[in-house]
């Protein structure tokens, strides 16, 4: 199992280290909003890591293309939204409460989308396995067209 997730661990470790190094090397003012923006960016990177790890270690059938593609798209949009909002956080320098409200809204929307993806994916997977069992297409028939 560790062989499956080792590349993910390395990639996301590099991404998180790069984020931290970039933050401190860019001579960013250590104001509360900048530190919180960094924290939310790292949280989004950790969420992406955990979801990609889950997708990598689960041994589900090819039916879960819906879940895999939906998760990749959702995580990508979540990372982009968090990074973009973290970069433009300077606009809200005096409004830390609005910054938190927007970040929590982004996280909540992401969580809702992921819950819906898991729910629909499970339904699709169950329906496909029922259809396969009904059709009895697992074993080929001999002697017919």
N, C-alpha and C. Protein backbone atom coordinates (compact mmCIF):
# COMPACT_ATOMS: atom_id res chain seq x y z
N UNK A 1 0.82 -1.19 0.00
CA UNK A 1 0.00 0.00 0.00
C UNK A 1 0.87 1.26 0.00
N UNK A 2 1.96 1.24 0.71
CA UNK A 2 2.81 2.43 0.78
C UNK A 2 3.40 2.77 -0.59
N UNK A 3 3.59 1.73 -1.43
CA UNK A 3 4.10 1.99 -2.77
C UNK A 3 3.11 2.78 -3.59
N UNK A 4 1.82 2.57 -3.34
CA UNK A 4 0.79 3.28 -4.08
C UNK A 4 0.76 4.76 -3.73
N UNK A 5 0.98 5.09 -2.47
CA UNK A 5 0.84 6.49 -2.06
C UNK A 5 2.16 7.23 -1.89
N UNK A 6 3.28 6.54 -2.02
CA UNK A 6 4.58 7.20 -1.88
C UNK A 6 4.75 8.35 -2.86
N UNK A 7 4.41 8.19 -4.13
CA UNK A 7 4.53 9.35 -5.03
C UNK A 7 3.66 10.53 -4.60
N UNK A 8 2.46 10.25 -4.10
CA UNK A 8 1.60 11.33 -3.62
C UNK A 8 2.20 12.03 -2.41
N UNK A 9 2.77 11.24 -1.50
CA UNK A 9 3.41 11.83 -0.32
C UNK A 9 4.55 12.76 -0.75
N UNK A 10 5.37 12.29 -1.67
CA UNK A 10 6.48 13.11 -2.14
C UNK A 10 6.00 14.38 -2.85
N UNK A 11 5.04 14.24 -3.74
CA UNK A 11 4.54 15.39 -4.49
C UNK A 11 3.93 16.44 -3.57
N UNK A 12 3.05 16.00 -2.68
CA UNK A 12 2.39 16.96 -1.80
C UNK A 12 3.34 17.52 -0.74
N UNK A 13 4.35 16.76 -0.34
CA UNK A 13 5.36 17.31 0.57
C UNK A 13 6.11 18.43 -0.11
N UNK A 14 6.47 18.23 -1.37
CA UNK A 14 7.17 19.27 -2.13
C UNK A 14 6.27 20.49 -2.29
N UNK A 15 4.99 20.28 -2.59
CA UNK A 15 4.07 21.40 -2.77
C UNK A 15 3.93 22.21 -1.48
N UNK A 16 3.77 21.52 -0.35
CA UNK A 16 3.60 22.23 0.92
C UNK A 16 4.89 22.96 1.32
N UNK A 17 6.02 22.30 1.14
CA UNK A 17 7.30 22.97 1.45
C UNK A 17 7.48 24.19 0.55
N UNK A 18 7.15 24.05 -0.74
CA UNK A 18 7.27 25.18 -1.66
C UNK A 18 6.36 26.34 -1.23
N UNK A 19 5.15 26.02 -0.82
CA UNK A 19 4.22 27.06 -0.36
C UNK A 19 4.79 27.81 0.84
N UNK A 20 5.31 27.06 1.81
CA UNK A 20 5.86 27.69 3.02
C UNK A 20 7.11 28.52 2.70
N UNK A 21 7.99 27.95 1.88
CA UNK A 21 9.22 28.68 1.52
C UNK A 21 8.88 29.93 0.73
N UNK A 22 7.95 29.82 -0.21
CA UNK A 22 7.56 30.98 -1.01
C UNK A 22 6.97 32.07 -0.14
N UNK A 23 6.17 31.68 0.83
CA UNK A 23 5.55 32.66 1.72
C UNK A 23 6.61 33.44 2.50
N UNK A 24 7.59 32.72 3.04
CA UNK A 24 8.58 33.39 3.87
C UNK A 24 9.68 34.08 3.06
N UNK A 25 9.95 33.62 1.85
CA UNK A 25 10.98 34.27 1.03
C UNK A 25 10.47 35.49 0.28
N UNK A 26 9.17 35.61 0.12
CA UNK A 26 8.61 36.74 -0.62
C UNK A 26 8.54 38.00 0.24
N UNK A 27 9.06 37.96 1.42
CA UNK A 27 9.04 39.10 2.33
C UNK A 27 7.62 39.63 2.54
N UNK A 28 6.70 38.70 2.74
CA UNK A 28 5.32 39.08 3.00
C UNK A 28 5.21 39.55 4.44
N UNK A 29 4.47 40.62 4.63
CA UNK A 29 4.26 41.13 5.97
C UNK A 29 3.51 40.08 6.79
N UNK A 30 3.97 39.84 7.99
CA UNK A 30 3.37 38.80 8.83
C UNK A 30 2.15 39.31 9.58
N UNK A 31 1.22 39.88 8.83
CA UNK A 31 -0.03 40.33 9.44
C UNK A 31 -0.95 39.13 9.64
N UNK A 32 -1.97 39.32 10.42
CA UNK A 32 -2.89 38.21 10.74
C UNK A 32 -3.54 37.66 9.48
N UNK A 33 -3.95 38.52 8.58
CA UNK A 33 -4.65 38.05 7.39
C UNK A 33 -3.73 37.25 6.47
N UNK A 34 -2.46 37.64 6.37
CA UNK A 34 -1.51 36.89 5.54
C UNK A 34 -1.21 35.51 6.13
N UNK A 35 -1.07 35.45 7.44
CA UNK A 35 -0.82 34.16 8.09
C UNK A 35 -2.04 33.25 7.94
N UNK A 36 -3.24 33.82 8.12
CA UNK A 36 -4.44 33.01 7.95
C UNK A 36 -4.61 32.55 6.50
N UNK A 37 -4.25 33.41 5.55
CA UNK A 37 -4.31 33.01 4.14
C UNK A 37 -3.38 31.82 3.90
N UNK A 38 -2.18 31.87 4.47
CA UNK A 38 -1.25 30.76 4.34
C UNK A 38 -1.82 29.49 4.97
N UNK A 39 -2.42 29.62 6.13
CA UNK A 39 -3.00 28.45 6.81
C UNK A 39 -4.10 27.82 5.95
N UNK A 40 -4.97 28.65 5.38
CA UNK A 40 -6.05 28.11 4.54
C UNK A 40 -5.50 27.47 3.27
N UNK A 41 -4.45 28.02 2.71
CA UNK A 41 -3.83 27.42 1.52
C UNK A 41 -3.25 26.04 1.87
N UNK A 42 -2.56 25.94 3.00
CA UNK A 42 -2.00 24.65 3.42
C UNK A 42 -3.12 23.65 3.74
N UNK A 43 -4.21 24.12 4.34
CA UNK A 43 -5.35 23.24 4.60
C UNK A 43 -5.91 22.70 3.29
N UNK A 44 -6.02 23.54 2.28
CA UNK A 44 -6.55 23.07 0.99
C UNK A 44 -5.60 22.06 0.35
N UNK A 45 -4.29 22.27 0.51
CA UNK A 45 -3.32 21.31 -0.02
C UNK A 45 -3.42 19.97 0.71
N UNK A 46 -3.62 20.01 2.02
CA UNK A 46 -3.78 18.77 2.79
C UNK A 46 -5.09 18.06 2.44
N UNK A 47 -6.15 18.82 2.18
CA UNK A 47 -7.41 18.21 1.75
C UNK A 47 -7.24 17.52 0.40
N UNK A 48 -6.53 18.17 -0.50
CA UNK A 48 -6.27 17.56 -1.81
C UNK A 48 -5.46 16.28 -1.64
N UNK A 49 -4.44 16.32 -0.80
CA UNK A 49 -3.63 15.13 -0.55
C UNK A 49 -4.46 13.98 -0.01
N UNK A 50 -5.30 14.28 0.98
CA UNK A 50 -6.08 13.19 1.59
C UNK A 50 -7.09 12.60 0.61
N UNK A 51 -7.71 13.43 -0.22
CA UNK A 51 -8.67 12.89 -1.19
C UNK A 51 -7.97 12.10 -2.29
N UNK A 52 -6.85 12.59 -2.78
CA UNK A 52 -6.11 11.85 -3.80
C UNK A 52 -5.57 10.53 -3.23
N UNK A 53 -5.17 10.54 -1.96
CA UNK A 53 -4.72 9.32 -1.32
C UNK A 53 -5.87 8.32 -1.21
N UNK A 54 -7.03 8.81 -0.82
CA UNK A 54 -8.21 7.94 -0.73
C UNK A 54 -8.51 7.31 -2.09
N UNK A 55 -8.50 8.11 -3.14
CA UNK A 55 -8.78 7.58 -4.47
C UNK A 55 -7.72 6.56 -4.90
N UNK A 56 -6.50 6.78 -4.47
CA UNK A 56 -5.41 5.89 -4.87
C UNK A 56 -5.49 4.54 -4.16
N UNK A 57 -5.88 4.52 -2.88
CA UNK A 57 -5.83 3.27 -2.14
C UNK A 57 -7.13 2.48 -2.21
N UNK A 58 -8.24 3.12 -2.64
CA UNK A 58 -9.47 2.35 -2.75
C UNK A 58 -9.39 1.42 -3.95
N UNK A 59 -9.91 0.23 -3.77
CA UNK A 59 -9.86 -0.78 -4.83
C UNK A 59 -11.25 -0.97 -5.41
N UNK A 60 -11.81 0.13 -5.85
CA UNK A 60 -13.14 0.03 -6.44
C UNK A 60 -13.00 -0.19 -7.94
N UNK A 61 -14.10 -0.56 -8.53
CA UNK A 61 -14.08 -0.89 -9.96
C UNK A 61 -13.99 0.36 -10.82
N UNK A 62 -13.94 0.14 -12.08
CA UNK A 62 -13.84 1.22 -13.05
C UNK A 62 -15.12 2.07 -13.08
N UNK A 63 -16.20 1.57 -12.42
CA UNK A 63 -17.45 2.33 -12.35
C UNK A 63 -17.23 3.70 -11.72
N UNK A 64 -16.25 3.79 -10.86
CA UNK A 64 -16.06 5.02 -10.12
C UNK A 64 -15.32 6.09 -10.90
N UNK A 65 -15.44 6.06 -12.20
CA UNK A 65 -14.88 7.14 -13.01
C UNK A 65 -15.56 8.44 -12.64
N UNK A 66 -16.85 8.37 -12.34
CA UNK A 66 -17.60 9.56 -11.93
C UNK A 66 -16.99 10.16 -10.67
N UNK A 67 -16.70 9.32 -9.67
CA UNK A 67 -16.12 9.81 -8.42
C UNK A 67 -14.72 10.35 -8.64
N UNK A 68 -13.90 9.61 -9.40
CA UNK A 68 -12.52 10.05 -9.59
C UNK A 68 -12.43 11.36 -10.36
N UNK A 69 -13.16 11.45 -11.46
CA UNK A 69 -13.09 12.68 -12.25
C UNK A 69 -13.73 13.84 -11.50
N UNK A 70 -14.84 13.59 -10.81
CA UNK A 70 -15.48 14.64 -10.04
C UNK A 70 -14.61 15.14 -8.90
N UNK A 71 -13.91 14.21 -8.23
CA UNK A 71 -13.03 14.61 -7.14
C UNK A 71 -11.85 15.42 -7.65
N UNK A 72 -11.28 15.00 -8.75
CA UNK A 72 -10.14 15.74 -9.31
C UNK A 72 -10.57 17.15 -9.69
N UNK A 73 -11.72 17.28 -10.34
CA UNK A 73 -12.20 18.61 -10.72
C UNK A 73 -12.54 19.46 -9.49
N UNK A 74 -13.21 18.87 -8.51
CA UNK A 74 -13.59 19.62 -7.31
C UNK A 74 -12.37 20.08 -6.52
N UNK A 75 -11.41 19.20 -6.37
CA UNK A 75 -10.19 19.57 -5.64
C UNK A 75 -9.44 20.66 -6.40
N UNK A 76 -9.38 20.55 -7.71
CA UNK A 76 -8.70 21.56 -8.50
C UNK A 76 -9.37 22.93 -8.34
N UNK A 77 -10.68 22.96 -8.43
CA UNK A 77 -11.40 24.23 -8.27
C UNK A 77 -11.22 24.77 -6.86
N UNK A 78 -11.25 23.89 -5.86
CA UNK A 78 -11.07 24.31 -4.47
C UNK A 78 -9.67 24.90 -4.26
N UNK A 79 -8.65 24.23 -4.80
CA UNK A 79 -7.30 24.76 -4.66
C UNK A 79 -7.16 26.11 -5.35
N UNK A 80 -7.70 26.23 -6.55
CA UNK A 80 -7.60 27.50 -7.28
C UNK A 80 -8.34 28.61 -6.53
N UNK A 81 -9.53 28.31 -6.02
CA UNK A 81 -10.30 29.32 -5.28
C UNK A 81 -9.55 29.76 -4.03
N UNK A 82 -9.01 28.80 -3.29
CA UNK A 82 -8.29 29.14 -2.06
C UNK A 82 -7.01 29.92 -2.36
N UNK A 83 -6.28 29.49 -3.37
CA UNK A 83 -5.05 30.21 -3.73
C UNK A 83 -5.36 31.62 -4.22
N UNK A 84 -6.36 31.74 -5.07
CA UNK A 84 -6.71 33.06 -5.60
C UNK A 84 -7.15 33.98 -4.48
N UNK A 85 -8.01 33.48 -3.62
CA UNK A 85 -8.48 34.32 -2.53
C UNK A 85 -7.37 34.59 -1.52
N UNK A 86 -6.45 33.65 -1.34
CA UNK A 86 -5.31 33.88 -0.45
C UNK A 86 -4.40 34.97 -0.98
N UNK A 87 -4.26 35.02 -2.30
CA UNK A 87 -3.40 36.04 -2.92
C UNK A 87 -4.04 37.42 -2.85
N UNK A 88 -5.34 37.50 -3.05
CA UNK A 88 -5.99 38.81 -3.03
C UNK A 88 -6.49 39.19 -1.63
N UNK A 89 -6.02 38.50 -0.62
CA UNK A 89 -6.43 38.78 0.76
C UNK A 89 -6.00 40.17 1.22
N UNK A 90 -5.06 40.75 0.51
CA UNK A 90 -4.59 42.08 0.87
C UNK A 90 -5.74 43.09 0.81
N UNK A 91 -6.69 42.86 -0.08
CA UNK A 91 -7.83 43.76 -0.22
C UNK A 91 -8.63 43.80 1.09
N UNK A 92 -8.69 42.70 1.78
CA UNK A 92 -9.46 42.60 3.02
C UNK A 92 -8.59 42.75 4.27
N UNK A 93 -7.52 43.48 4.15
CA UNK A 93 -6.58 43.62 5.25
C UNK A 93 -7.27 44.08 6.54
N UNK A 94 -8.25 44.96 6.43
CA UNK A 94 -8.91 45.48 7.62
C UNK A 94 -10.18 44.71 7.97
N UNK A 95 -10.55 43.74 7.17
CA UNK A 95 -11.79 42.99 7.39
C UNK A 95 -11.50 41.50 7.54
N UNK A 96 -10.90 41.14 8.64
CA UNK A 96 -10.54 39.75 8.89
C UNK A 96 -11.78 38.86 8.99
N UNK A 97 -12.87 39.40 9.51
CA UNK A 97 -14.10 38.61 9.64
C UNK A 97 -14.66 38.23 8.26
N UNK A 98 -14.63 39.14 7.32
CA UNK A 98 -15.11 38.84 5.97
C UNK A 98 -14.20 37.80 5.32
N UNK A 99 -12.90 37.91 5.55
CA UNK A 99 -11.95 36.93 5.02
C UNK A 99 -12.30 35.53 5.54
N UNK A 100 -12.53 35.40 6.86
CA UNK A 100 -12.90 34.11 7.44
C UNK A 100 -14.23 33.61 6.87
N UNK A 101 -15.19 34.51 6.73
CA UNK A 101 -16.49 34.12 6.20
C UNK A 101 -16.37 33.55 4.79
N UNK A 102 -15.58 34.20 3.95
CA UNK A 102 -15.42 33.73 2.58
C UNK A 102 -14.66 32.40 2.55
N UNK A 103 -13.62 32.27 3.35
CA UNK A 103 -12.86 31.01 3.39
C UNK A 103 -13.72 29.86 3.91
N UNK A 104 -14.52 30.11 4.93
CA UNK A 104 -15.40 29.07 5.46
C UNK A 104 -16.47 28.71 4.43
N UNK A 105 -16.95 29.70 3.68
CA UNK A 105 -17.92 29.43 2.61
C UNK A 105 -17.30 28.55 1.53
N UNK A 106 -16.05 28.82 1.18
CA UNK A 106 -15.35 28.00 0.17
C UNK A 106 -15.20 26.57 0.67
N UNK A 107 -14.78 26.40 1.91
CA UNK A 107 -14.61 25.06 2.49
C UNK A 107 -15.96 24.34 2.58
N UNK A 108 -17.00 25.05 3.00
CA UNK A 108 -18.33 24.43 3.12
C UNK A 108 -18.85 23.99 1.76
N UNK A 109 -18.71 24.84 0.76
CA UNK A 109 -19.16 24.48 -0.59
C UNK A 109 -18.40 23.26 -1.11
N UNK A 110 -17.09 23.23 -0.86
CA UNK A 110 -16.28 22.08 -1.27
C UNK A 110 -16.75 20.81 -0.56
N UNK A 111 -17.02 20.90 0.74
CA UNK A 111 -17.47 19.73 1.50
C UNK A 111 -18.82 19.23 0.98
N UNK A 112 -19.72 20.14 0.67
CA UNK A 112 -21.03 19.75 0.14
C UNK A 112 -20.87 19.05 -1.21
N UNK A 113 -20.05 19.61 -2.08
CA UNK A 113 -19.82 18.99 -3.40
C UNK A 113 -19.23 17.60 -3.24
N UNK A 114 -18.27 17.44 -2.34
CA UNK A 114 -17.65 16.13 -2.15
C UNK A 114 -18.64 15.12 -1.56
N UNK A 115 -19.49 15.53 -0.64
CA UNK A 115 -20.50 14.63 -0.09
C UNK A 115 -21.46 14.19 -1.19
N UNK A 116 -21.88 15.12 -2.02
CA UNK A 116 -22.76 14.77 -3.14
C UNK A 116 -22.07 13.84 -4.12
N UNK A 117 -20.80 14.09 -4.41
CA UNK A 117 -20.06 13.21 -5.32
C UNK A 117 -19.98 11.79 -4.78
N UNK A 118 -19.64 11.65 -3.51
CA UNK A 118 -19.56 10.31 -2.91
C UNK A 118 -20.92 9.63 -2.93
N UNK A 119 -21.97 10.38 -2.64
CA UNK A 119 -23.32 9.81 -2.61
C UNK A 119 -23.75 9.34 -4.00
N UNK A 120 -23.60 10.20 -5.00
CA UNK A 120 -24.00 9.83 -6.36
C UNK A 120 -23.12 8.72 -6.91
N UNK A 121 -21.85 8.74 -6.60
CA UNK A 121 -20.95 7.71 -7.08
C UNK A 121 -21.33 6.35 -6.50
N UNK A 122 -21.70 6.34 -5.25
CA UNK A 122 -22.10 5.08 -4.61
C UNK A 122 -23.38 4.55 -5.27
N UNK A 123 -24.33 5.44 -5.54
CA UNK A 123 -25.56 5.02 -6.22
C UNK A 123 -25.28 4.48 -7.62
N UNK A 124 -24.44 5.17 -8.36
CA UNK A 124 -24.10 4.74 -9.72
C UNK A 124 -23.41 3.38 -9.68
N UNK A 125 -22.49 3.20 -8.75
CA UNK A 125 -21.76 1.94 -8.63
C UNK A 125 -22.72 0.79 -8.28
N UNK A 126 -23.64 1.02 -7.35
CA UNK A 126 -24.61 -0.02 -6.99
C UNK A 126 -25.52 -0.35 -8.15
N UNK A 127 -25.97 0.67 -8.86
CA UNK A 127 -26.87 0.44 -9.99
C UNK A 127 -26.15 -0.33 -11.10
N UNK A 128 -24.88 0.03 -11.37
CA UNK A 128 -24.13 -0.69 -12.39
C UNK A 128 -23.89 -2.14 -12.02
N UNK A 129 -23.59 -2.41 -10.75
CA UNK A 129 -23.36 -3.80 -10.33
C UNK A 129 -24.66 -4.60 -10.38
N UNK A 130 -25.80 -3.96 -10.07
CA UNK A 130 -27.08 -4.64 -10.18
C UNK A 130 -27.39 -4.97 -11.65
N UNK A 131 -27.10 -4.02 -12.54
CA UNK A 131 -27.34 -4.24 -13.97
C UNK A 131 -26.46 -5.38 -14.50
N UNK A 132 -25.23 -5.45 -14.05
CA UNK A 132 -24.33 -6.52 -14.49
C UNK A 132 -24.85 -7.86 -13.98
N UNK A 133 -25.31 -7.90 -12.73
CA UNK A 133 -25.83 -9.15 -12.17
C UNK A 133 -27.10 -9.59 -12.89
N UNK A 134 -27.96 -8.65 -13.26
CA UNK A 134 -29.19 -8.99 -13.96
C UNK A 134 -28.91 -9.49 -15.37
N UNK A 135 -27.96 -8.87 -16.03
CA UNK A 135 -27.69 -9.21 -17.42
C UNK A 135 -26.88 -10.49 -17.54
N UNK A 136 -26.23 -10.90 -16.48
CA UNK A 136 -25.38 -12.09 -16.47
C UNK A 136 -24.38 -12.06 -17.63
N UNK A 137 -23.63 -10.96 -17.71
CA UNK A 137 -22.66 -10.81 -18.80
C UNK A 137 -21.24 -11.09 -18.34
N UNK A 138 -21.09 -11.66 -17.18
CA UNK A 138 -19.74 -11.92 -16.68
C UNK A 138 -19.06 -13.04 -17.43
N UNK A 139 -19.83 -14.07 -17.79
CA UNK A 139 -19.22 -15.20 -18.49
C UNK A 139 -19.76 -15.25 -19.91
N UNK A 140 -18.90 -15.34 -20.89
CA UNK A 140 -19.35 -15.38 -22.27
C UNK A 140 -20.08 -16.69 -22.57
N UNK A 141 -21.08 -16.60 -23.41
CA UNK A 141 -21.82 -17.79 -23.85
C UNK A 141 -21.06 -18.45 -24.98
N UNK A 142 -21.11 -19.77 -25.04
CA UNK A 142 -20.39 -20.51 -26.08
C UNK A 142 -21.33 -20.88 -27.22
N UNK A 143 -20.82 -20.79 -28.40
CA UNK A 143 -21.52 -21.32 -29.56
C UNK A 143 -22.59 -20.42 -30.13
N UNK A 144 -22.71 -19.21 -29.70
CA UNK A 144 -23.74 -18.35 -30.25
C UNK A 144 -23.17 -17.03 -30.71
N UNK A 145 -23.96 -16.31 -31.44
CA UNK A 145 -23.53 -15.00 -31.91
C UNK A 145 -23.89 -13.94 -30.94
